[in-house]
Amino acid sequence: MKKAKRAAVITAVVLIIAMLFSVLFIAHETGHECSGEDCRVCMKISACENALKNITGAVTAAAALAAVCFVFVRTLVPLHSFYTVLSPVTLKVKLSD
């Protein structure tokens, strides 16, 4: 279980770093002097935009799946079962002197 959590955290950090550097590169190179059709900077900007579109789609799909799973679990397990207070009354313990 710890390995799965570690892998999920590492994946999330890598995605955040990829998104951050893509956005920073696009912002930095927006006003570059374009050399024409085969401009390397324009090709890299296009690649960064495509990466951002793909990452955004994957994150949106994962969030939608998590929301559906959350709603599914909430309908199966009632809310009161999470917040049940254990006391002698709820346990129906007979208190006699």
PDB file of N, CA and C in Angstrom:
ATOM      1  N   MET A   1       0.815  -1.192   0.000  1.00  0.00           N
ATOM      2  CA  MET A   1       0.000   0.000   0.000  1.00  0.00           C
ATOM      3  C   MET A   1       0.858   1.254   0.000  1.00  0.00           C
ATOM      4  N   LYS A   2       1.973   1.223   0.755  1.00  0.00           N
ATOM      5  CA  LYS A   2       2.841   2.388   0.800  1.00  0.00           C
ATOM      6  C   LYS A   2       3.486   2.648  -0.554  1.00  0.00           C
ATOM      7  N   LYS A   3       3.796   1.579  -1.276  1.00  0.00           N
ATOM      8  CA  LYS A   3       4.407   1.759  -2.594  1.00  0.00           C
ATOM      9  C   LYS A   3       3.435   2.409  -3.561  1.00  0.00           C
ATOM     10  N   ALA A   4       2.169   2.054  -3.453  1.00  0.00           N
ATOM     11  CA  ALA A   4       1.157   2.642  -4.333  1.00  0.00           C
ATOM     12  C   ALA A   4       0.989   4.131  -4.023  1.00  0.00           C
ATOM     13  N   LYS A   5       0.985   4.478  -2.732  1.00  0.00           N
ATOM     14  CA  LYS A   5       0.871   5.890  -2.358  1.00  0.00           C
ATOM     15  C   LYS A   5       2.098   6.663  -2.810  1.00  0.00           C
ATOM     16  N   ARG A   6       3.261   6.073  -2.645  1.00  0.00           N
ATOM     17  CA  ARG A   6       4.498   6.730  -3.059  1.00  0.00           C
ATOM     18  C   ARG A   6       4.508   6.941  -4.570  1.00  0.00           C
ATOM     19  N   ALA A   7       4.065   5.945  -5.324  1.00  0.00           N
ATOM     20  CA  ALA A   7       4.006   6.070  -6.777  1.00  0.00           C
ATOM     21  C   ALA A   7       3.008   7.142  -7.191  1.00  0.00           C
ATOM     22  N   ALA A   8       1.879   7.219  -6.489  1.00  0.00           N
ATOM     23  CA  ALA A   8       0.882   8.243  -6.804  1.00  0.00           C
ATOM     24  C   ALA A   8       1.415   9.638  -6.510  1.00  0.00           C
ATOM     25  N   VAL A   9       2.115   9.789  -5.400  1.00  0.00           N
ATOM     26  CA  VAL A   9       2.682  11.097  -5.056  1.00  0.00           C
ATOM     27  C   VAL A   9       3.755  11.496  -6.056  1.00  0.00           C
ATOM     28  N   ILE A  10       4.604  10.570  -6.424  1.00  0.00           N
ATOM     29  CA  ILE A  10       5.662  10.864  -7.402  1.00  0.00           C
ATOM     30  C   ILE A  10       5.046  11.238  -8.741  1.00  0.00           C
ATOM     31  N   THR A  11       4.026  10.522  -9.157  1.00  0.00           N
ATOM     32  CA  THR A  11       3.353  10.841 -10.419  1.00  0.00           C
ATOM     33  C   THR A  11       2.726  12.222 -10.371  1.00  0.00           C
ATOM     34  N   ALA A  12       2.078  12.544  -9.270  1.00  0.00           N
ATOM     35  CA  ALA A  12       1.458  13.860  -9.128  1.00  0.00           C
ATOM     36  C   ALA A  12       2.509  14.971  -9.166  1.00  0.00           C
ATOM     37  N   VAL A  13       3.631  14.761  -8.490  1.00  0.00           N
ATOM     38  CA  VAL A  13       4.701  15.773  -8.491  1.00  0.00           C
ATOM     39  C   VAL A  13       5.282  15.945  -9.889  1.00  0.00           C
ATOM     40  N   VAL A  14       5.489  14.855 -10.592  1.00  0.00           N
ATOM     41  CA  VAL A  14       6.025  14.942 -11.958  1.00  0.00           C
ATOM     42  C   VAL A  14       5.049  15.680 -12.874  1.00  0.00           C
ATOM     43  N   LEU A  15       3.756  15.407 -12.751  1.00  0.00           N
ATOM     44  CA  LEU A  15       2.767  16.111 -13.565  1.00  0.00           C
ATOM     45  C   LEU A  15       2.732  17.606 -13.249  1.00  0.00           C
ATOM     46  N   ILE A  16       2.814  17.942 -11.965  1.00  0.00           N
ATOM     47  CA  ILE A  16       2.815  19.358 -11.584  1.00  0.00           C
ATOM     48  C   ILE A  16       4.058  20.058 -12.116  1.00  0.00           C
ATOM     49  N   ILE A  17       5.214  19.411 -12.024  1.00  0.00           N
ATOM     50  CA  ILE A  17       6.447  20.008 -12.533  1.00  0.00           C
ATOM     51  C   ILE A  17       6.375  20.172 -14.049  1.00  0.00           C
ATOM     52  N   ALA A  18       5.841  19.166 -14.742  1.00  0.00           N
ATOM     53  CA  ALA A  18       5.719  19.265 -16.205  1.00  0.00           C
ATOM     54  C   ALA A  18       4.800  20.413 -16.603  1.00  0.00           C
ATOM     55  N   MET A  19       3.682  20.539 -15.894  1.00  0.00           N
ATOM     56  CA  MET A  19       2.760  21.636 -16.195  1.00  0.00           C
ATOM     57  C   MET A  19       3.404  22.987 -15.898  1.00  0.00           C
ATOM     58  N   LEU A  20       4.093  23.091 -14.779  1.00  0.00           N
ATOM     59  CA  LEU A  20       4.719  24.349 -14.385  1.00  0.00           C
ATOM     60  C   LEU A  20       5.774  24.782 -15.399  1.00  0.00           C
ATOM     61  N   PHE A  21       6.667  23.857 -15.768  1.00  0.00           N
ATOM     62  CA  PHE A  21       7.714  24.224 -16.710  1.00  0.00           C
ATOM     63  C   PHE A  21       7.169  24.503 -18.107  1.00  0.00           C
ATOM     64  N   SER A  22       6.106  23.805 -18.488  1.00  0.00           N
ATOM     65  CA  SER A  22       5.496  24.096 -19.792  1.00  0.00           C
ATOM     66  C   SER A  22       4.918  25.500 -19.812  1.00  0.00           C
ATOM     67  N   VAL A  23       4.207  25.858 -18.761  1.00  0.00           N
ATOM     68  CA  VAL A  23       3.621  27.196 -18.685  1.00  0.00           C
ATOM     69  C   VAL A  23       4.709  28.259 -18.630  1.00  0.00           C
ATOM     70  N   LEU A  24       5.757  28.016 -17.839  1.00  0.00           N
ATOM     71  CA  LEU A  24       6.845  28.988 -17.743  1.00  0.00           C
ATOM     72  C   LEU A  24       7.574  29.153 -19.073  1.00  0.00           C
ATOM     73  N   PHE A  25       7.793  28.059 -19.798  1.00  0.00           N
ATOM     74  CA  PHE A  25       8.457  28.154 -21.095  1.00  0.00           C
ATOM     75  C   PHE A  25       7.607  28.941 -22.091  1.00  0.00           C
ATOM     76  N   ILE A  26       6.314  28.653 -22.107  1.00  0.00           N
ATOM     77  CA  ILE A  26       5.426  29.376 -23.025  1.00  0.00           C
ATOM     78  C   ILE A  26       5.408  30.856 -22.680  1.00  0.00           C
ATOM     79  N   ALA A  27       5.340  31.177 -21.401  1.00  0.00           N
ATOM     80  CA  ALA A  27       5.312  32.585 -20.995  1.00  0.00           C
ATOM     81  C   ALA A  27       6.627  33.290 -21.323  1.00  0.00           C
ATOM     82  N   HIS A  28       7.731  32.579 -21.165  1.00  0.00           N
ATOM     83  CA  HIS A  28       9.040  33.191 -21.422  1.00  0.00           C
ATOM     84  C   HIS A  28       9.292  33.412 -22.908  1.00  0.00           C
ATOM     85  N   GLU A  29       8.865  32.491 -23.727  1.00  0.00           N
ATOM     86  CA  GLU A  29       9.184  32.549 -25.155  1.00  0.00           C
ATOM     87  C   GLU A  29       8.055  33.099 -26.023  1.00  0.00           C
ATOM     88  N   THR A  30       7.039  33.676 -25.427  1.00  0.00           N
ATOM     89  CA  THR A  30       5.917  34.185 -26.205  1.00  0.00           C
ATOM     90  C   THR A  30       6.338  35.283 -27.168  1.00  0.00           C
ATOM     91  N   GLY A  31       7.206  36.162 -26.751  1.00  0.00           N
ATOM     92  CA  GLY A  31       7.608  37.285 -27.602  1.00  0.00           C
ATOM     93  C   GLY A  31       8.910  37.070 -28.343  1.00  0.00           C
ATOM     94  N   HIS A  32       9.239  35.833 -28.673  1.00  0.00           N
ATOM     95  CA  HIS A  32      10.510  35.573 -29.367  1.00  0.00           C
ATOM     96  C   HIS A  32      10.450  36.034 -30.819  1.00  0.00           C
ATOM     97  N   GLU A  33      11.614  36.193 -31.408  1.00  0.00           N
ATOM     98  CA  GLU A  33      11.686  36.562 -32.824  1.00  0.00           C
ATOM     99  C   GLU A  33      11.615  35.289 -33.650  1.00  0.00           C
ATOM    100  N   CYS A  34      10.491  35.106 -34.307  1.00  0.00           N
ATOM    101  CA  CYS A  34      10.250  33.885 -35.069  1.00  0.00           C
ATOM    102  C   CYS A  34      11.072  33.914 -36.348  1.00  0.00           C
ATOM    103  N   SER A  35      11.717  32.777 -36.661  1.00  0.00           N
ATOM    104  CA  SER A  35      12.575  32.706 -37.840  1.00  0.00           C
ATOM    105  C   SER A  35      11.848  32.138 -39.058  1.00  0.00           C
ATOM    106  N   GLY A  36      10.573  31.889 -38.954  1.00  0.00           N
ATOM    107  CA  GLY A  36       9.833  31.395 -40.111  1.00  0.00           C
ATOM    108  C   GLY A  36       9.104  30.102 -39.823  1.00  0.00           C
ATOM    109  N   GLU A  37       8.924  29.324 -40.902  1.00  0.00           N
ATOM    110  CA  GLU A  37       8.146  28.084 -40.792  1.00  0.00           C
ATOM    111  C   GLU A  37       8.776  27.048 -39.875  1.00  0.00           C
ATOM    112  N   ASP A  38      10.068  26.885 -39.941  1.00  0.00           N
ATOM    113  CA  ASP A  38      10.748  25.842 -39.167  1.00  0.00           C
ATOM    114  C   ASP A  38      11.358  26.396 -37.880  1.00  0.00           C
ATOM    115  N   CYS A  39      10.645  27.257 -37.212  1.00  0.00           N
ATOM    116  CA  CYS A  39      11.144  27.865 -35.974  1.00  0.00           C
ATOM    117  C   CYS A  39      11.110  26.828 -34.848  1.00  0.00           C
ATOM    118  N   ARG A  40      12.275  26.578 -34.256  1.00  0.00           N
ATOM    119  CA  ARG A  40      12.355  25.568 -33.196  1.00  0.00           C
ATOM    120  C   ARG A  40      11.584  25.986 -31.958  1.00  0.00           C
ATOM    121  N   VAL A  41      11.629  27.273 -31.652  1.00  0.00           N
ATOM    122  CA  VAL A  41      10.919  27.747 -30.462  1.00  0.00           C
ATOM    123  C   VAL A  41       9.417  27.561 -30.640  1.00  0.00           C
ATOM    124  N   CYS A  42       8.900  27.867 -31.822  1.00  0.00           N
ATOM    125  CA  CYS A  42       7.468  27.675 -32.075  1.00  0.00           C
ATOM    126  C   CYS A  42       7.084  26.198 -31.975  1.00  0.00           C
ATOM    127  N   MET A  43       7.953  25.309 -32.440  1.00  0.00           N
ATOM    128  CA  MET A  43       7.679  23.877 -32.335  1.00  0.00           C
ATOM    129  C   MET A  43       7.667  23.435 -30.873  1.00  0.00           C
ATOM    130  N   LYS A  44       8.585  23.973 -30.063  1.00  0.00           N
ATOM    131  CA  LYS A  44       8.615  23.619 -28.640  1.00  0.00           C
ATOM    132  C   LYS A  44       7.399  24.180 -27.920  1.00  0.00           C
ATOM    133  N   ILE A  45       6.985  25.393 -28.283  1.00  0.00           N
ATOM    134  CA  ILE A  45       5.778  25.971 -27.686  1.00  0.00           C
ATOM    135  C   ILE A  45       4.568  25.113 -28.035  1.00  0.00           C
ATOM    136  N   SER A  46       4.488  24.658 -29.263  1.00  0.00           N
ATOM    137  CA  SER A  46       3.394  23.793 -29.683  1.00  0.00           C
ATOM    138  C   SER A  46       3.408  22.472 -28.904  1.00  0.00           C
ATOM    139  N   ALA A  47       4.611  21.922 -28.691  1.00  0.00           N
ATOM    140  CA  ALA A  47       4.728  20.677 -27.927  1.00  0.00           C
ATOM    141  C   ALA A  47       4.283  20.888 -26.472  1.00  0.00           C
ATOM    142  N   CYS A  48       4.655  22.032 -25.906  1.00  0.00           N
ATOM    143  CA  CYS A  48       4.233  22.338 -24.533  1.00  0.00           C
ATOM    144  C   CYS A  48       2.718  22.502 -24.452  1.00  0.00           C
ATOM    145  N   GLU A  49       2.126  23.162 -25.438  1.00  0.00           N
ATOM    146  CA  GLU A  49       0.668  23.318 -25.452  1.00  0.00           C
ATOM    147  C   GLU A  49      -0.023  21.972 -25.554  1.00  0.00           C
ATOM    148  N   ASN A  50       0.499  21.082 -26.410  1.00  0.00           N
ATOM    149  CA  ASN A  50      -0.085  19.742 -26.534  1.00  0.00           C
ATOM    150  C   ASN A  50       0.052  18.957 -25.232  1.00  0.00           C
ATOM    151  N   ALA A  51       1.204  19.079 -24.568  1.00  0.00           N
ATOM    152  CA  ALA A  51       1.398  18.384 -23.291  1.00  0.00           C
ATOM    153  C   ALA A  51       0.405  18.896 -22.255  1.00  0.00           C
ATOM    154  N   LEU A  52       0.207  20.212 -22.214  1.00  0.00           N
ATOM    155  CA  LEU A  52      -0.753  20.781 -21.261  1.00  0.00           C
ATOM    156  C   LEU A  52      -2.174  20.307 -21.555  1.00  0.00           C
ATOM    157  N   LYS A  53      -2.538  20.220 -22.831  1.00  0.00           N
ATOM    158  CA  LYS A  53      -3.873  19.727 -23.193  1.00  0.00           C
ATOM    159  C   LYS A  53      -4.053  18.273 -22.763  1.00  0.00           C
ATOM    160  N   ASN A  54      -3.027  17.455 -22.994  1.00  0.00           N
ATOM    161  CA  ASN A  54      -3.118  16.042 -22.619  1.00  0.00           C
ATOM    162  C   ASN A  54      -3.172  15.864 -21.113  1.00  0.00           C
ATOM    163  N   ILE A  55      -2.342  16.598 -20.385  1.00  0.00           N
ATOM    164  CA  ILE A  55      -2.333  16.490 -18.929  1.00  0.00           C
ATOM    165  C   ILE A  55      -3.665  16.957 -18.360  1.00  0.00           C
ATOM    166  N   THR A  56      -4.187  18.060 -18.896  1.00  0.00           N
ATOM    167  CA  THR A  56      -5.462  18.584 -18.423  1.00  0.00           C
ATOM    168  C   THR A  56      -6.586  17.575 -18.652  1.00  0.00           C
ATOM    169  N   GLY A  57      -6.586  16.933 -19.800  1.00  0.00           N
ATOM    170  CA  GLY A  57      -7.602  15.913 -20.084  1.00  0.00           C
ATOM    171  C   GLY A  57      -7.506  14.736 -19.131  1.00  0.00           C
ATOM    172  N   ALA A  58      -6.289  14.301 -18.846  1.00  0.00           N
ATOM    173  CA  ALA A  58      -6.099  13.171 -17.936  1.00  0.00           C
ATOM    174  C   ALA A  58      -6.517  13.528 -16.512  1.00  0.00           C
ATOM    175  N   VAL A  59      -6.166  14.727 -16.080  1.00  0.00           N
ATOM    176  CA  VAL A  59      -6.538  15.157 -14.722  1.00  0.00           C
ATOM    177  C   VAL A  59      -8.051  15.301 -14.610  1.00  0.00           C
ATOM    178  N   THR A  60      -8.683  15.830 -15.643  1.00  0.00           N
ATOM    179  CA  THR A  60     -10.140  15.974 -15.636  1.00  0.00           C
ATOM    180  C   THR A  60     -10.819  14.609 -15.573  1.00  0.00           C
ATOM    181  N   ALA A  61     -10.321  13.660 -16.345  1.00  0.00           N
ATOM    182  CA  ALA A  61     -10.893  12.314 -16.326  1.00  0.00           C
ATOM    183  C   ALA A  61     -10.705  11.656 -14.959  1.00  0.00           C
ATOM    184  N   ALA A  62      -9.537  11.839 -14.357  1.00  0.00           N
ATOM    185  CA  ALA A  62      -9.288  11.259 -13.037  1.00  0.00           C
ATOM    186  C   ALA A  62     -10.191  11.891 -11.979  1.00  0.00           C
ATOM    187  N   ALA A  63     -10.387  13.198 -12.062  1.00  0.00           N
ATOM    188  CA  ALA A  63     -11.258  13.879 -11.104  1.00  0.00           C
ATOM    189  C   ALA A  63     -12.709  13.418 -11.266  1.00  0.00           C
ATOM    190  N   ALA A  64     -13.146  13.243 -12.495  1.00  0.00           N
ATOM    191  CA  ALA A  64     -14.508  12.766 -12.738  1.00  0.00           C
ATOM    192  C   ALA A  64     -14.686  11.342 -12.202  1.00  0.00           C
ATOM    193  N   LEU A  65     -13.699  10.504 -12.421  1.00  0.00           N
ATOM    194  CA  LEU A  65     -13.757   9.134 -11.907  1.00  0.00           C
ATOM    195  C   LEU A  65     -13.776   9.125 -10.383  1.00  0.00           C
ATOM    196  N   ALA A  66     -12.965   9.974  -9.767  1.00  0.00           N
ATOM    197  CA  ALA A  66     -12.954  10.054  -8.305  1.00  0.00           C
ATOM    198  C   ALA A  66     -14.302  10.535  -7.778  1.00  0.00           C
ATOM    199  N   ALA A  67     -14.909  11.496  -8.461  1.00  0.00           N
ATOM    200  CA  ALA A  67     -16.220  11.990  -8.033  1.00  0.00           C
ATOM    201  C   ALA A  67     -17.286  10.906  -8.146  1.00  0.00           C
ATOM    202  N   VAL A  68     -17.266  10.151  -9.233  1.00  0.00           N
ATOM    203  CA  VAL A  68     -18.234   9.068  -9.412  1.00  0.00           C
ATOM    204  C   VAL A  68     -18.029   7.996  -8.339  1.00  0.00           C
ATOM    205  N   CYS A  69     -16.785   7.647  -8.053  1.00  0.00           N
ATOM    206  CA  CYS A  69     -16.516   6.653  -7.003  1.00  0.00           C
ATOM    207  C   CYS A  69     -16.971   7.162  -5.641  1.00  0.00           C
ATOM    208  N   PHE A  70     -16.737   8.450  -5.367  1.00  0.00           N
ATOM    209  CA  PHE A  70     -17.157   9.031  -4.099  1.00  0.00           C
ATOM    210  C   PHE A  70     -18.670   8.965  -3.946  1.00  0.00           C
ATOM    211  N   VAL A  71     -19.396   9.330  -4.985  1.00  0.00           N
ATOM    212  CA  VAL A  71     -20.859   9.298  -4.936  1.00  0.00           C
ATOM    213  C   VAL A  71     -21.345   7.859  -4.788  1.00  0.00           C
ATOM    214  N   PHE A  72     -20.718   6.935  -5.476  1.00  0.00           N
ATOM    215  CA  PHE A  72     -21.100   5.525  -5.396  1.00  0.00           C
ATOM    216  C   PHE A  72     -20.895   4.991  -3.983  1.00  0.00           C
ATOM    217  N   VAL A  73     -19.762   5.311  -3.378  1.00  0.00           N
ATOM    218  CA  VAL A  73     -19.483   4.847  -2.021  1.00  0.00           C
ATOM    219  C   VAL A  73     -20.426   5.508  -1.025  1.00  0.00           C
ATOM    220  N   ARG A  74     -20.731   6.786  -1.221  1.00  0.00           N
ATOM    221  CA  ARG A  74     -21.613   7.499  -0.305  1.00  0.00           C
ATOM    222  C   ARG A  74     -23.028   6.924  -0.332  1.00  0.00           C
ATOM    223  N   THR A  75     -23.464   6.415  -1.469  1.00  0.00           N
ATOM    224  CA  THR A  75     -24.795   5.837  -1.527  1.00  0.00           C
ATOM    225  C   THR A  75     -24.831   4.451  -0.876  1.00  0.00           C
ATOM    226  N   LEU A  76     -23.709   3.746  -0.904  1.00  0.00           N
ATOM    227  CA  LEU A  76     -23.666   2.414  -0.297  1.00  0.00           C
ATOM    228  C   LEU A  76     -23.475   2.475   1.216  1.00  0.00           C
ATOM    229  N   VAL A  77     -22.671   3.427   1.674  1.00  0.00           N
ATOM    230  CA  VAL A  77     -22.379   3.532   3.101  1.00  0.00           C
ATOM    231  C   VAL A  77     -23.010   4.812   3.613  1.00  0.00           C
ATOM    232  N   PRO A  78     -24.009   4.715   4.464  1.00  0.00           N
ATOM    233  CA  PRO A  78     -24.655   5.923   4.972  1.00  0.00           C
ATOM    234  C   PRO A  78     -23.707   6.773   5.814  1.00  0.00           C
ATOM    235  N   LEU A  79     -23.996   8.058   5.864  1.00  0.00           N
ATOM    236  CA  LEU A  79     -23.142   8.998   6.570  1.00  0.00           C
ATOM    237  C   LEU A  79     -23.097   8.722   8.064  1.00  0.00           C
ATOM    238  N   HIS A  80     -24.218   8.335   8.651  1.00  0.00           N
ATOM    239  CA  HIS A  80     -24.259   8.146  10.096  1.00  0.00           C
ATOM    240  C   HIS A  80     -23.365   7.013  10.564  1.00  0.00           C
ATOM    241  N   SER A  81     -22.995   6.072   9.691  1.00  0.00           N
ATOM    242  CA  SER A  81     -22.135   4.975  10.123  1.00  0.00           C
ATOM    243  C   SER A  81     -20.708   5.452  10.370  1.00  0.00           C
ATOM    244  N   PHE A  82     -20.302   6.587   9.750  1.00  0.00           N
ATOM    245  CA  PHE A  82     -18.972   7.125   9.981  1.00  0.00           C
ATOM    246  C   PHE A  82     -18.883   7.879  11.310  1.00  0.00           C
ATOM    247  N   TYR A  83     -19.985   8.446  11.731  1.00  0.00           N
ATOM    248  CA  TYR A  83     -19.978   9.307  12.898  1.00  0.00           C
ATOM    249  C   TYR A  83     -20.755   8.719  14.069  1.00  0.00           C
ATOM    250  N   THR A  84     -20.821   7.414  14.178  1.00  0.00           N
ATOM    251  CA  THR A  84     -21.523   6.772  15.275  1.00  0.00           C
ATOM    252  C   THR A  84     -20.672   6.893  16.540  1.00  0.00           C
ATOM    253  N   VAL A  85     -21.278   7.416  17.575  1.00  0.00           N
ATOM    254  CA  VAL A  85     -20.585   7.572  18.848  1.00  0.00           C
ATOM    255  C   VAL A  85     -20.868   6.341  19.695  1.00  0.00           C
ATOM    256  N   LEU A  86     -19.804   5.741  20.189  1.00  0.00           N
ATOM    257  CA  LEU A  86     -19.964   4.568  21.038  1.00  0.00           C
ATOM    258  C   LEU A  86     -20.119   5.030  22.486  1.00  0.00           C
ATOM    259  N   SER A  87     -21.244   4.702  23.057  1.00  0.00           N
ATOM    260  CA  SER A  87     -21.525   5.024  24.455  1.00  0.00           C
ATOM    261  C   SER A  87     -22.294   3.851  25.044  1.00  0.00           C
ATOM    262  N   PRO A  88     -22.434   3.824  26.349  1.00  0.00           N
ATOM    263  CA  PRO A  88     -23.206   2.727  26.945  1.00  0.00           C
ATOM    264  C   PRO A  88     -24.633   2.662  26.420  1.00  0.00           C
ATOM    265  N   VAL A  89     -25.199   3.808  26.088  1.00  0.00           N
ATOM    266  CA  VAL A  89     -26.571   3.819  25.577  1.00  0.00           C
ATOM    267  C   VAL A  89     -26.622   3.208  24.176  1.00  0.00           C
ATOM    268  N   THR A  90     -25.683   3.607  23.303  1.00  0.00           N
ATOM    269  CA  THR A  90     -25.698   3.052  21.944  1.00  0.00           C
ATOM    270  C   THR A  90     -25.318   1.577  21.940  1.00  0.00           C
ATOM    271  N   LEU A  91     -24.512   1.160  22.911  1.00  0.00           N
ATOM    272  CA  LEU A  91     -24.151  -0.254  23.010  1.00  0.00           C
ATOM    273  C   LEU A  91     -25.193  -1.062  23.779  1.00  0.00           C
ATOM    274  N   LYS A  92     -26.206  -0.388  24.310  1.00  0.00           N
ATOM    275  CA  LYS A  92     -27.302  -0.992  25.057  1.00  0.00           C
ATOM    276  C   LYS A  92     -26.788  -1.812  26.261  1.00  0.00           C
ATOM    277  N   VAL A  93     -25.898  -1.151  26.987  1.00  0.00           N
ATOM    278  CA  VAL A  93     -25.348  -1.779  28.189  1.00  0.00           C
ATOM    279  C   VAL A  93     -26.293  -1.490  29.353  1.00  0.00           C
ATOM    280  N   LYS A  94     -26.583  -2.506  30.115  1.00  0.00           N
ATOM    281  CA  LYS A  94     -27.478  -2.340  31.271  1.00  0.00           C
ATOM    282  C   LYS A  94     -26.637  -1.842  32.445  1.00  0.00           C
ATOM    283  N   LEU A  95     -26.977  -0.675  32.915  1.00  0.00           N
ATOM    284  CA  LEU A  95     -26.258  -0.080  34.051  1.00  0.00           C
ATOM    285  C   LEU A  95     -27.109  -0.271  35.308  1.00  0.00           C
ATOM    286  N   SER A  96     -26.771  -1.270  36.068  1.00  0.00           N
ATOM    287  CA  SER A  96     -27.521  -1.511  37.299  1.00  0.00           C
ATOM    288  C   SER A  96     -26.560  -1.529  38.466  1.00  0.00           C
ATOM    289  N   ASP A  97     -27.032  -0.963  39.586  1.00  0.00           N
ATOM    290  CA  ASP A  97     -26.196  -0.911  40.787  1.00  0.00           C
ATOM    291  C   ASP A  97     -26.395  -2.124  41.629  1.00  0.00           C
TER     292      ASP A  97
END
